[in-house]
Protein backbone atom coordinates (compact mmCIF):
# COMPACT_ATOMS: atom_id res chain seq x y z
CA MET A 1 -67.45 -38.80 77.12
CA HIS A 2 -70.42 -36.84 78.36
CA ASN A 3 -70.31 -37.09 82.17
CA ARG A 4 -68.36 -34.16 83.53
CA CYS A 5 -65.74 -33.93 86.25
CA PRO A 6 -66.21 -32.00 89.51
CA SER A 7 -65.26 -28.35 89.64
CA GLN A 8 -61.91 -29.13 91.26
CA ARG A 9 -59.70 -32.02 90.26
CA GLN A 10 -58.49 -34.59 92.77
CA VAL A 11 -54.83 -35.62 92.43
CA ASP A 12 -53.15 -37.70 95.13
CA GLY A 13 -55.59 -36.35 97.70
CA LEU A 14 -54.97 -32.68 96.88
CA ASN A 15 -57.76 -30.44 95.61
CA ARG A 16 -56.44 -27.95 93.09
CA HIS A 17 -58.45 -25.16 91.55
CA HIS A 18 -57.64 -23.92 88.03
CA TRP A 19 -56.18 -27.30 87.14
CA TRP A 20 -54.45 -26.01 84.03
CA ARG A 21 -52.23 -23.42 85.70
CA ASP A 22 -49.60 -25.91 86.86
CA ALA A 23 -50.69 -29.00 84.91
CA VAL A 24 -48.26 -31.38 83.22
CA ILE A 25 -49.73 -32.47 79.89
CA TYR A 26 -48.44 -35.36 77.78
CA GLN A 27 -48.54 -34.85 74.01
CA VAL A 28 -49.80 -37.98 72.27
CA TYR A 29 -48.84 -38.18 68.62
CA VAL A 30 -51.64 -40.64 67.93
CA ARG A 31 -50.28 -42.40 64.85
CA SER A 32 -47.01 -43.21 66.70
CA PHE A 33 -48.25 -44.01 70.23
CA LEU A 34 -49.79 -47.50 70.18
CA ASP A 35 -51.43 -49.48 67.36
CA SER A 36 -54.41 -51.65 68.35
CA THR A 37 -55.16 -53.10 64.89
CA GLY A 38 -51.80 -54.18 63.48
CA ASP A 39 -51.91 -51.86 60.48
CA GLY A 40 -48.74 -50.08 61.66
CA ILE A 41 -50.53 -46.83 62.56
CA GLY A 42 -51.38 -45.82 66.11
CA ASP A 43 -55.04 -45.18 66.90
CA LEU A 44 -57.47 -44.02 69.57
CA ALA A 45 -57.95 -47.51 70.97
CA GLY A 46 -54.18 -47.65 71.37
CA VAL A 47 -54.24 -44.39 73.29
CA ARG A 48 -56.94 -45.81 75.56
CA ALA A 49 -54.81 -48.91 76.18
CA GLY A 50 -51.86 -46.69 77.09
CA LEU A 51 -53.71 -44.53 79.60
CA PRO A 52 -52.69 -46.60 82.68
CA TYR A 53 -49.05 -46.13 81.65
CA LEU A 54 -49.55 -42.37 81.49
CA LYS A 55 -51.42 -42.33 84.79
CA LYS A 56 -48.53 -44.22 86.39
CA LEU A 57 -46.11 -41.67 84.96
CA GLY A 58 -48.11 -39.00 86.75
CA VAL A 59 -49.30 -36.58 84.07
CA ASP A 60 -52.45 -34.50 84.53
CA GLY A 61 -53.73 -34.74 80.99
CA ILE A 62 -53.08 -35.61 77.36
CA TRP A 63 -53.11 -33.59 74.16
CA LEU A 64 -54.12 -35.66 71.13
CA SER A 65 -52.68 -34.81 67.73
CA PRO A 66 -55.32 -34.47 64.97
CA PHE A 67 -57.33 -37.64 64.35
CA TYR A 68 -59.99 -36.05 62.12
CA PRO A 69 -60.81 -37.30 58.60
CA SER A 70 -57.90 -36.24 56.43
CA PRO A 71 -55.99 -37.32 53.32
CA GLN A 72 -52.91 -37.20 55.62
CA HIS A 73 -50.77 -34.96 53.44
CA ASP A 74 -49.49 -33.42 56.68
CA HIS A 75 -50.49 -36.24 59.02
CA GLY A 76 -53.85 -34.85 59.98
CA TYR A 77 -53.04 -31.15 60.04
CA ASP A 78 -54.89 -31.05 56.72
CA VAL A 79 -58.42 -31.51 58.07
CA ALA A 80 -61.24 -32.57 55.75
CA ASP A 81 -63.91 -32.80 58.48
CA TYR A 82 -63.50 -31.17 61.88
CA CYS A 83 -66.33 -33.10 63.54
CA ASP A 84 -65.50 -36.76 62.99
CA VAL A 85 -62.74 -39.38 63.37
CA ASP A 86 -60.66 -40.71 60.49
CA PRO A 87 -61.19 -44.49 60.08
CA LEU A 88 -57.40 -44.82 60.39
CA PHE A 89 -57.79 -43.95 64.08
CA GLY A 90 -61.22 -45.32 64.96
CA ASP A 91 -64.60 -43.63 65.14
CA LEU A 92 -66.61 -41.34 67.40
CA GLY A 93 -67.66 -44.28 69.54
CA GLU A 94 -64.01 -45.13 70.22
CA PHE A 95 -63.32 -41.48 70.97
CA ASP A 96 -66.07 -41.53 73.58
CA GLU A 97 -64.62 -44.74 75.05
CA LEU A 98 -61.23 -43.07 75.30
CA GLY A 99 -62.77 -40.05 76.99
CA GLY A 100 -64.61 -42.17 79.50
CA ALA A 101 -61.48 -44.14 80.37
CA ALA A 102 -59.46 -40.94 80.78
CA ARG A 103 -62.12 -39.42 83.01
CA ARG A 104 -62.17 -42.47 85.27
CA LEU A 105 -58.41 -42.14 85.71
CA GLY A 106 -58.62 -38.40 86.34
CA VAL A 107 -56.73 -37.56 83.13
CA LYS A 108 -57.78 -34.48 81.16
CA VAL A 109 -58.16 -34.68 77.37
CA LEU A 110 -57.22 -31.83 75.01
CA LEU A 111 -57.83 -31.90 71.26
CA ASP A 112 -55.62 -30.35 68.60
CA ILE A 113 -57.67 -27.92 66.52
CA VAL A 114 -56.41 -26.45 63.23
CA PRO A 115 -58.15 -23.14 62.45
CA ASN A 116 -55.60 -21.53 60.11
CA HIS A 117 -56.09 -23.94 57.22
CA CYS A 118 -57.98 -27.05 56.18
CA SER A 119 -57.51 -29.83 53.66
CA SER A 120 -57.85 -29.29 49.93
CA GLU A 121 -60.41 -32.12 50.21
CA HIS A 122 -62.59 -30.21 52.67
CA PRO A 123 -66.09 -29.89 51.13
CA TRP A 124 -65.94 -26.10 51.25
CA PHE A 125 -62.68 -25.99 49.32
CA ARG A 126 -63.99 -28.43 46.73
CA GLU A 127 -67.03 -26.19 46.42
CA ALA A 128 -64.72 -23.20 45.94
CA LEU A 129 -62.83 -24.94 43.13
CA ALA A 130 -66.09 -25.65 41.34
CA ALA A 131 -67.34 -22.07 41.78
CA ALA A 132 -66.53 -18.96 39.79
CA PRO A 133 -64.09 -16.20 40.73
CA GLY A 134 -65.75 -13.72 43.07
CA SER A 135 -68.21 -16.32 44.39
CA LEU A 136 -69.24 -16.69 48.02
CA ALA A 137 -67.61 -20.11 48.06
CA ARG A 138 -64.22 -18.68 47.14
CA ALA A 139 -64.62 -15.88 49.69
CA ARG A 140 -64.08 -18.47 52.44
CA PHE A 141 -60.45 -18.75 51.30
CA HIS A 142 -57.82 -16.42 49.84
CA PHE A 143 -58.40 -16.60 46.10
CA ALA A 144 -56.86 -13.87 43.96
CA ASP A 145 -56.00 -13.14 40.35
CA GLY A 146 -52.39 -13.64 39.34
CA ARG A 147 -49.98 -10.97 38.23
CA GLY A 148 -48.17 -10.56 34.94
CA PRO A 149 -49.26 -11.65 31.48
CA ASP A 150 -52.35 -13.83 31.65
CA GLY A 151 -52.15 -13.84 35.46
CA ALA A 152 -49.36 -16.41 35.30
CA GLU A 153 -47.47 -15.06 38.34
CA PRO A 154 -48.60 -15.46 41.98
CA PRO A 155 -50.56 -12.57 43.52
CA ASN A 156 -47.64 -11.74 45.84
CA ASN A 157 -44.13 -12.95 46.62
CA TRP A 158 -44.82 -14.83 49.87
CA HIS A 159 -43.26 -18.23 50.38
CA SER A 160 -44.73 -21.18 52.22
CA MET A 161 -43.40 -22.33 55.58
CA PHE A 162 -42.80 -25.68 53.88
CA GLY A 163 -40.84 -24.20 50.96
CA GLY A 164 -41.79 -22.80 47.56
CA PRO A 165 -44.45 -20.22 46.73
CA ALA A 166 -47.36 -19.76 49.14
CA TRP A 167 -49.77 -19.70 46.17
CA SER A 168 -51.04 -22.40 43.83
CA ARG A 169 -52.96 -21.81 40.63
CA VAL A 170 -56.23 -23.59 39.96
CA THR A 171 -57.81 -24.78 36.77
CA GLU A 172 -61.21 -23.19 36.40
CA PRO A 173 -64.35 -25.29 35.74
CA ASP A 174 -64.10 -24.45 32.05
CA GLY A 175 -60.57 -25.91 31.89
CA THR A 176 -58.65 -22.62 31.65
CA PRO A 177 -55.83 -21.51 33.99
CA GLY A 178 -57.48 -19.46 36.68
CA GLN A 179 -57.02 -17.79 40.03
CA TRP A 180 -54.51 -18.59 42.74
CA TYR A 181 -55.18 -19.62 46.34
CA LEU A 182 -53.04 -19.00 49.41
CA HIS A 183 -51.48 -21.78 51.49
CA MET A 184 -48.89 -20.81 54.09
CA PHE A 185 -47.99 -24.50 54.42
CA ALA A 186 -48.50 -27.21 51.78
CA PRO A 187 -50.70 -26.73 48.68
CA GLU A 188 -53.02 -29.37 50.17
CA GLN A 189 -53.64 -26.98 53.10
CA PRO A 190 -55.51 -23.89 51.84
CA ASP A 191 -55.71 -21.05 54.36
CA TRP A 192 -59.10 -19.98 55.62
CA ASN A 193 -60.11 -16.35 55.12
CA TRP A 194 -61.00 -15.28 58.65
CA ARG A 195 -62.17 -11.89 57.40
CA ASN A 196 -65.23 -13.80 56.20
CA PRO A 197 -67.58 -14.09 59.22
CA GLU A 198 -68.78 -17.47 57.98
CA ILE A 199 -65.45 -18.99 59.06
CA GLY A 200 -65.74 -17.77 62.64
CA ALA A 201 -69.28 -19.08 62.87
CA GLU A 202 -68.23 -22.48 61.57
CA PHE A 203 -65.46 -22.82 64.14
CA ASP A 204 -67.89 -21.83 66.90
CA ARG A 205 -69.89 -24.86 65.81
CA VAL A 206 -66.81 -27.08 65.81
CA LEU A 207 -65.80 -26.02 69.32
CA ARG A 208 -69.27 -26.73 70.66
CA PHE A 209 -69.39 -30.12 68.95
CA TRP A 210 -66.36 -31.34 70.91
CA LEU A 211 -67.15 -29.48 74.11
CA ASP A 212 -70.55 -31.14 74.09
CA ARG A 213 -68.71 -34.48 73.96
CA GLY A 214 -66.97 -33.56 77.19
CA ILE A 215 -63.42 -32.64 76.19
CA ASP A 216 -61.37 -30.47 78.54
CA GLY A 217 -59.93 -28.02 76.06
CA PHE A 218 -58.02 -27.37 72.87
CA ARG A 219 -54.45 -27.02 71.75
CA ILE A 220 -54.67 -24.46 68.94
CA ASP A 221 -52.43 -24.95 65.93
CA VAL A 222 -50.81 -21.81 64.43
CA ALA A 223 -52.60 -19.58 66.94
CA ALA A 224 -50.75 -16.46 65.73
CA GLY A 225 -52.08 -17.09 62.23
CA LEU A 226 -55.65 -16.92 60.86
CA TYR A 227 -55.67 -13.28 59.70
CA LYS A 228 -53.49 -11.98 56.88
CA HIS A 229 -52.82 -8.36 55.92
CA PRO A 230 -56.01 -7.27 54.12
CA GLU A 231 -54.14 -6.08 51.02
CA LEU A 232 -51.84 -9.13 50.76
CA PRO A 233 -48.84 -6.96 49.76
CA ASP A 234 -45.37 -8.19 48.85
CA SER A 235 -43.00 -9.00 51.70
CA ASP A 236 -39.58 -7.42 52.14
CA ASP A 237 -38.23 -10.88 53.00
CA PRO A 238 -40.54 -13.36 51.26
CA GLU A 239 -38.50 -16.48 52.08
CA ALA A 240 -38.17 -15.75 55.81
CA ASP A 241 -40.78 -18.30 56.88
CA ALA A 242 -39.25 -21.11 54.83
CA ARG A 243 -35.70 -20.17 55.83
CA THR A 244 -36.44 -20.12 59.57
CA ARG A 245 -39.38 -22.57 59.46
CA ASP A 246 -41.12 -20.11 61.71
CA SER A 247 -43.98 -17.64 61.35
CA VAL A 248 -41.96 -14.45 60.94
CA ASN A 249 -43.62 -12.80 57.92
CA PRO A 250 -45.38 -9.87 59.66
CA LEU A 251 -47.93 -9.66 56.83
CA ALA A 252 -49.12 -13.23 57.26
CA TRP A 253 -48.96 -13.73 61.02
CA ASN A 254 -49.72 -11.98 64.30
CA GLN A 255 -52.31 -9.62 62.85
CA PRO A 256 -54.22 -7.65 65.53
CA GLU A 257 -57.63 -9.06 64.56
CA VAL A 258 -56.63 -12.55 65.71
CA HIS A 259 -57.12 -11.50 69.33
CA ASP A 260 -60.85 -11.05 68.69
CA VAL A 261 -61.03 -14.75 67.80
CA TRP A 262 -59.45 -15.81 71.08
CA ARG A 263 -61.78 -13.58 73.03
CA ARG A 264 -64.70 -15.27 71.29
CA TRP A 265 -63.33 -18.76 71.95
CA ARG A 266 -62.58 -17.89 75.56
CA SER A 267 -66.20 -16.79 76.03
CA ILE A 268 -67.41 -20.13 74.65
CA CYS A 269 -65.14 -22.04 77.02
CA GLU A 270 -66.29 -19.90 79.95
CA GLU A 271 -69.88 -20.70 79.05
CA TYR A 272 -69.18 -24.43 79.42
CA THR A 273 -67.11 -23.86 82.57
CA GLU A 274 -69.97 -21.99 84.20
CA ARG A 275 -72.42 -24.66 83.12
CA ASP A 276 -70.78 -27.52 85.02
CA GLY A 277 -67.93 -25.99 87.02
CA CYS A 278 -65.12 -27.76 85.18
CA GLU A 279 -62.66 -25.39 83.52
CA ARG A 280 -62.00 -25.76 79.80
CA LEU A 281 -58.53 -24.84 78.54
CA LEU A 282 -57.28 -23.00 75.46
CA VAL A 283 -53.53 -23.35 74.90
CA GLY A 284 -52.09 -21.82 71.77
CA GLU A 285 -49.16 -22.57 69.51
CA VAL A 286 -47.96 -18.97 69.49
CA SER A 287 -44.75 -18.16 67.67
CA VAL A 288 -44.06 -14.43 67.86
CA PRO A 289 -40.82 -12.42 68.06
CA THR A 290 -40.83 -11.41 71.73
CA ALA A 291 -42.12 -12.55 75.11
CA ARG A 292 -44.02 -9.27 75.35
CA GLU A 293 -45.98 -10.04 72.17
CA HIS A 294 -46.49 -13.58 73.43
CA ALA A 295 -48.03 -12.16 76.60
CA GLN A 296 -50.73 -10.40 74.56
CA TYR A 297 -52.22 -13.80 73.70
CA VAL A 298 -52.71 -14.82 77.33
CA ARG A 299 -54.47 -11.74 78.63
CA PRO A 300 -57.33 -12.59 81.01
CA ASP A 301 -60.00 -12.63 78.30
CA GLU A 302 -57.99 -14.50 75.62
CA LEU A 303 -56.10 -17.82 75.66
CA HIS A 304 -55.51 -19.38 79.05
CA GLN A 305 -51.97 -20.30 78.03
CA ALA A 306 -49.60 -20.34 75.07
CA PHE A 307 -46.53 -22.47 74.53
CA PHE A 308 -43.34 -20.61 75.38
CA PHE A 309 -40.96 -21.90 72.70
CA ASP A 310 -37.99 -19.75 73.70
CA LEU A 311 -36.91 -22.36 76.26
CA LEU A 312 -37.07 -25.06 73.58
CA SER A 313 -34.96 -22.99 71.18
CA ALA A 314 -32.41 -21.77 73.74
CA SER A 315 -28.86 -23.03 73.33
CA TRP A 316 -27.39 -25.16 76.13
CA ASP A 317 -26.02 -22.21 78.08
CA ALA A 318 -26.79 -20.92 81.57
CA ASP A 319 -27.06 -17.27 80.50
CA ALA A 320 -29.37 -18.15 77.59
CA PHE A 321 -31.71 -20.18 79.81
CA ARG A 322 -31.76 -17.51 82.52
CA LYS A 323 -32.59 -14.81 79.96
CA VAL A 324 -35.59 -16.62 78.45
CA ILE A 325 -36.92 -17.76 81.84
CA SER A 326 -36.69 -14.22 83.23
CA GLU A 327 -38.43 -12.72 80.20
CA ALA A 328 -41.23 -15.26 80.46
CA MET A 329 -41.73 -14.62 84.17
CA ASP A 330 -41.71 -10.84 83.67
CA ASP A 331 -43.96 -10.59 80.63
CA ILE A 332 -46.20 -13.67 80.58
CA ALA A 333 -46.77 -14.36 84.26
CA GLY A 334 -47.51 -10.65 84.65
CA THR A 335 -50.75 -11.11 82.66
CA GLY A 336 -52.21 -13.39 85.35
CA SER A 337 -51.59 -16.49 83.23
CA THR A 338 -48.82 -18.98 83.91
CA VAL A 339 -45.96 -19.82 81.60
CA THR A 340 -46.36 -22.98 79.51
CA TRP A 341 -42.93 -24.60 79.27
CA VAL A 342 -41.95 -27.08 76.57
CA LEU A 343 -38.67 -28.77 75.58
CA ASN A 344 -39.88 -31.19 72.86
CA ASN A 345 -42.75 -31.60 70.43
CA HIS A 346 -43.66 -33.29 67.16
CA ASP A 347 -42.00 -30.55 65.08
CA GLN A 348 -38.59 -30.37 66.77
CA VAL A 349 -35.42 -32.44 67.09
CA ARG A 350 -35.49 -34.32 70.38
CA THR A 351 -33.44 -32.87 73.24
CA VAL A 352 -31.17 -35.91 73.59
CA THR A 353 -29.92 -35.24 70.06
CA ARG A 354 -30.34 -31.46 70.07
CA TYR A 355 -28.20 -31.02 73.20
CA GLY A 356 -25.52 -33.45 72.06
CA GLU A 357 -22.28 -32.48 70.40
CA PRO A 358 -20.94 -33.94 67.14
CA ALA A 359 -17.90 -35.36 68.95
CA THR A 360 -20.14 -37.44 71.21
CA GLU A 361 -22.97 -38.02 68.70
CA GLY A 362 -25.30 -36.87 71.49
CA SER A 363 -25.15 -40.29 73.13
CA GLY A 364 -23.85 -39.51 76.60
CA LEU A 365 -23.61 -35.75 76.91
CA GLY A 366 -26.89 -35.12 75.08
CA ALA A 367 -28.73 -37.53 77.35
CA ALA A 368 -27.25 -35.97 80.50
CA ARG A 369 -28.23 -32.49 79.36
CA ALA A 370 -31.73 -33.63 78.38
CA ARG A 371 -32.23 -35.12 81.86
CA ALA A 372 -31.03 -31.91 83.49
CA ALA A 373 -33.27 -29.75 81.29
CA ALA A 374 -36.28 -31.91 82.20
CA LEU A 375 -35.68 -31.47 85.92
CA LEU A 376 -35.22 -27.72 85.41
CA MET A 377 -38.50 -27.46 83.46
CA LEU A 378 -40.44 -29.36 86.12
CA ALA A 379 -39.13 -26.98 88.80
CA LEU A 380 -40.31 -23.83 87.01
CA PRO A 381 -43.58 -22.07 87.91
CA GLY A 382 -46.42 -22.80 85.52
CA ALA A 383 -47.46 -25.66 83.25
CA ALA A 384 -45.26 -28.12 81.39
CA TYR A 385 -45.83 -30.23 78.26
CA ILE A 386 -44.03 -33.52 77.66
CA TYR A 387 -43.80 -35.02 74.18
CA GLN A 388 -44.26 -38.78 73.93
CA GLY A 389 -40.96 -40.62 74.17
CA GLU A 390 -39.33 -37.72 75.98
CA GLU A 391 -39.83 -39.66 79.21
CA LEU A 392 -37.91 -42.57 77.67
CA GLY A 393 -34.94 -40.47 76.60
CA LEU A 394 -35.55 -41.29 72.93
CA PRO A 395 -33.03 -39.71 70.55
CA GLU A 396 -33.91 -38.33 67.14
CA VAL A 397 -33.83 -40.95 64.39
CA VAL A 398 -31.53 -39.16 61.97
CA ASP A 399 -30.90 -41.84 59.35
CA LEU A 400 -34.36 -42.68 58.00
CA PRO A 401 -34.09 -43.60 54.29
CA ASP A 402 -35.42 -41.06 51.81
CA ASP A 403 -38.02 -43.50 50.53
CA VAL A 404 -39.83 -43.67 53.90
CA LEU A 405 -39.88 -39.94 54.63
CA THR A 406 -43.38 -38.49 54.67
CA ASP A 407 -42.85 -34.92 55.86
CA PRO A 408 -44.23 -32.44 53.28
CA ILE A 409 -41.17 -30.27 53.92
CA PHE A 410 -39.03 -33.01 52.38
CA ARG A 411 -41.49 -33.55 49.52
CA ARG A 412 -41.48 -29.84 48.65
CA THR A 413 -37.80 -29.03 49.15
CA GLY A 414 -35.92 -32.30 48.79
CA SER A 415 -33.91 -31.23 51.84
CA ARG A 416 -33.49 -33.32 54.99
CA ALA A 417 -32.28 -30.31 57.00
CA ARG A 418 -35.58 -29.54 58.74
CA ILE A 419 -37.64 -32.69 58.34
CA ARG A 420 -39.74 -33.80 61.29
CA ASP A 421 -40.09 -37.55 60.72
CA GLY A 422 -37.16 -38.33 63.03
CA CYS A 423 -39.06 -37.35 66.18
CA ARG A 424 -42.25 -39.14 65.06
CA VAL A 425 -41.00 -42.73 64.82
CA PRO A 426 -43.45 -45.06 66.66
CA LEU A 427 -42.71 -45.68 70.32
CA PRO A 428 -40.97 -48.86 71.51
CA TRP A 429 -42.91 -50.63 74.25
CA SER A 430 -41.25 -54.03 74.66
CA GLY A 431 -39.12 -56.70 73.05
CA GLN A 432 -35.85 -56.84 71.15
CA ALA A 433 -37.01 -56.19 67.58
CA SER A 434 -39.44 -54.02 65.65
CA PRO A 435 -42.34 -53.38 66.15
CA PHE A 436 -41.20 -53.41 69.82
CA GLY A 437 -44.72 -53.95 71.15
CA PHE A 438 -46.10 -50.98 69.19
CA THR A 439 -48.60 -53.42 67.67
CA PRO A 440 -49.39 -55.76 70.60
CA GLY A 441 -49.90 -59.34 69.46
CA VAL A 442 -48.97 -58.61 65.82
CA GLU A 443 -45.22 -59.08 65.70
CA SER A 444 -45.20 -59.10 61.89
CA ALA A 445 -46.69 -55.61 61.69
CA LYS A 446 -44.69 -52.92 59.93
CA PRO A 447 -44.83 -49.51 61.67
CA TRP A 448 -45.53 -46.57 59.37
CA LEU A 449 -41.98 -45.31 60.02
CA PRO A 450 -39.23 -47.89 60.61
CA GLN A 451 -37.88 -48.20 64.16
CA PRO A 452 -34.10 -48.59 64.50
CA GLU A 453 -32.69 -51.65 66.23
CA TYR A 454 -31.35 -49.56 69.11
CA PHE A 455 -34.93 -48.68 70.15
CA ALA A 456 -34.79 -51.92 72.17
CA GLU A 457 -32.66 -50.01 74.70
CA TYR A 458 -35.44 -47.45 75.19
CA ALA A 459 -38.50 -49.73 75.40
CA THR A 460 -40.93 -48.81 78.15
CA ASP A 461 -40.72 -52.22 79.86
CA ARG A 462 -36.97 -51.82 80.22
CA ALA A 463 -37.35 -48.18 81.35
CA LEU A 464 -39.82 -49.09 84.07
CA ALA A 465 -37.52 -51.84 85.36
CA ASP A 466 -34.45 -49.56 85.56
CA THR A 467 -34.67 -47.07 88.43
CA ARG A 468 -31.90 -45.00 86.78
CA SER A 469 -33.88 -44.49 83.57
CA PHE A 470 -35.33 -41.31 82.13
CA TRP A 471 -38.77 -42.66 82.96
CA HIS A 472 -38.06 -42.86 86.68
CA LEU A 473 -36.55 -39.36 86.66
CA TYR A 474 -39.72 -37.97 85.08
CA ARG A 475 -41.99 -40.01 87.34
CA ASP A 476 -40.12 -38.96 90.48
CA GLY A 477 -40.10 -35.33 89.36
CA LEU A 478 -43.84 -35.39 88.68
CA GLN A 479 -44.59 -37.01 92.04
CA LEU A 480 -42.55 -34.41 93.92
CA ARG A 481 -44.08 -31.61 91.85
CA ALA A 482 -47.54 -32.79 92.92
CA ALA A 483 -46.57 -33.24 96.56
CA LEU A 484 -44.47 -30.12 97.22
CA PRO A 485 -46.44 -26.89 97.68
CA GLN A 486 -43.37 -24.90 96.58
CA LEU A 487 -43.66 -26.21 93.03
CA GLY A 488 -46.35 -25.51 90.45
CA GLU A 489 -47.71 -22.01 90.91
CA GLY A 490 -45.75 -19.10 92.36
CA THR A 491 -42.58 -17.25 91.57
CA LEU A 492 -38.88 -17.98 91.60
CA ARG A 493 -35.91 -16.09 93.05
CA TRP A 494 -32.53 -16.30 91.35
CA LEU A 495 -29.60 -17.26 93.57
CA ASP A 496 -25.95 -16.34 93.21
CA ALA A 497 -24.11 -19.13 91.42
CA PRO A 498 -20.74 -19.77 89.76
CA PRO A 499 -20.38 -19.17 86.01
CA GLY A 500 -22.18 -21.82 84.01
CA VAL A 501 -24.55 -22.67 86.86
CA LEU A 502 -28.18 -21.63 87.13
CA ALA A 503 -29.76 -21.68 90.61
CA PHE A 504 -33.11 -20.48 91.88
CA GLU A 505 -35.37 -20.89 94.89
CA ARG A 506 -39.05 -21.81 94.93
CA GLY A 507 -40.98 -20.86 98.02
CA ASP A 508 -38.78 -20.50 101.09
CA ASP A 509 -36.85 -23.73 101.01
CA LEU A 510 -36.78 -25.55 97.68
CA VAL A 511 -33.70 -24.91 95.54
CA CYS A 512 -33.09 -26.04 91.95
CA ALA A 513 -29.67 -25.76 90.36
CA VAL A 514 -28.34 -26.77 86.94
CA ASN A 515 -24.68 -27.13 86.04
CA PHE A 516 -24.41 -26.36 82.33
CA GLY A 517 -20.71 -27.16 82.34
CA THR A 518 -19.01 -30.54 82.40
CA ALA A 519 -16.88 -30.12 85.54
CA PRO A 520 -18.29 -30.58 89.08
CA THR A 521 -18.93 -27.46 91.15
CA PRO A 522 -19.92 -26.87 94.77
CA ALA A 523 -23.66 -27.26 95.29
CA PRO A 524 -25.63 -24.16 96.38
CA VAL A 525 -27.09 -26.11 99.30
CA SER A 526 -25.35 -28.46 101.71
CA GLY A 527 -26.42 -32.05 102.00
CA SER A 528 -27.68 -34.61 99.55
CA PRO A 529 -30.23 -33.52 96.94
CA LEU A 530 -33.89 -34.49 97.08
CA LEU A 531 -33.74 -35.46 93.40
CA ALA A 532 -30.95 -35.22 90.82
CA SER A 533 -30.68 -35.92 87.11
CA GLY A 534 -27.26 -37.53 87.59
CA HIS A 535 -24.88 -38.63 90.32
CA CYS A 536 -24.47 -35.77 92.81
CA PRO A 537 -22.45 -36.50 95.96
CA SER A 538 -23.35 -34.45 99.02
CA GLY A 539 -22.27 -30.84 98.56
CA VAL A 540 -21.41 -31.29 94.86
CA LEU A 541 -23.30 -30.46 91.68
CA SER A 542 -21.92 -32.69 88.97
CA GLY A 543 -21.40 -31.52 85.39
CA SER A 544 -24.42 -31.49 83.03
CA THR A 545 -26.68 -32.19 85.99
CA ALA A 546 -29.71 -30.60 87.67
CA ALA A 547 -30.79 -31.22 91.26
CA TRP A 548 -33.42 -30.18 93.78
CA TRP A 549 -32.76 -29.59 97.48
CA ILE A 550 -34.90 -28.72 100.48
CA ARG A 551 -33.11 -26.30 102.77
CA SER A 552 -32.83 -27.71 106.29
């Protein structure tokens, strides 16, 4: 993966500078994409085999979930070695093969990097466990003495995002109960101490290792994390993170020093960009209270982009969508960056289920709303990220048996309320029964999470053959997005619309409208739509439907 691309990418005959500003990136959850070996776990060779499918869909790039050596306590987000490939997924040679194949197809490759925490099996953490309190090895993490008699209570009252205390006590080398270490997620994921300059230097090395292999950028996990309040004081609401499953503890997240890290990483990426003329991207998982705080992460010398999760979390309501879109355009686009829109990812309930209603079990209404939301997202200015299976209209698998659940949230809390396994079930590719082509040529293979029988209805071969499918809606939307100069970069202008309808104009003649209600309403533009998420007769915008028009 060492030969670089030209300074401007070529897509359907159009040269586009700053490829990332309006790119559509496909998130590949590697272990659930395609299995090349028959062990039931997706791998890098499977991703390489699936690249022609993604090219046909029309995406600009892929983001690979962590494939580094890991004990897999949190499916790779507990990294034991940042500069290698776990044998589960292949090796560095296979990674280079994947990169070369992607480059030949004109598909960018982003890696998921996890700088907030590592694995408890990382060599540096094992060294810290073997070292004494106050040692240089322990200074790489957050080790602290406990409170109360014999230090038996955690150093503060913070709770982990995954439930329970954010501290675990260690047994010292002499066998006695000892200090505690901080983990804002699972105990197997100790948080790095970024106030130790050794950590920053190590991640500089990691970035360069992968950039030297020719990757196009990084998706940064927990990008509002890294630094904690230097005094580690008690929180006024210690269970807020676990209750919301979001980074809301102001003492543990969004500390001002984190911006220095992104300036450093941006300078490293700019160094590589200047070297060969191909821009490298930093896109952050930034969860902060307001769009204005979000905008601070995408200032010109920091991250290129950061996921805007407010659209993902908005309720199915025209006013709610308009509010979050307006805030993003005002605060984020004003920095010179572009908004990074997302409706699904590996941590969230899929839109088909999320937008459904209990009375309909999300089957019909949820699917219609998910299609409309997709067409809305693709019409907005900026970049968009698609999560694997989103283009197939996959629903959340909500009835996985307890004994197959692997999410550490379930292991720590015993609750199914916020588990993430349901959106991570391996993709169906073909056939009428599991493994649905997930393990080509090995029909007896058992996927790491069981696929329900109804996945046959969503298999990619069936989706490609049905011009009314989710897949064709996404493919058509992506083709038009690439061909129409009104889409991608730029601004939008809101149009007057009836209650429950959102309508805006891109450029001088492209109109997008979404009917959030269930009853038909007059369309904002006469004539038949250029593209619609559902049946829209001329002059009518059907319920739970989005459409694009070109003004005549």
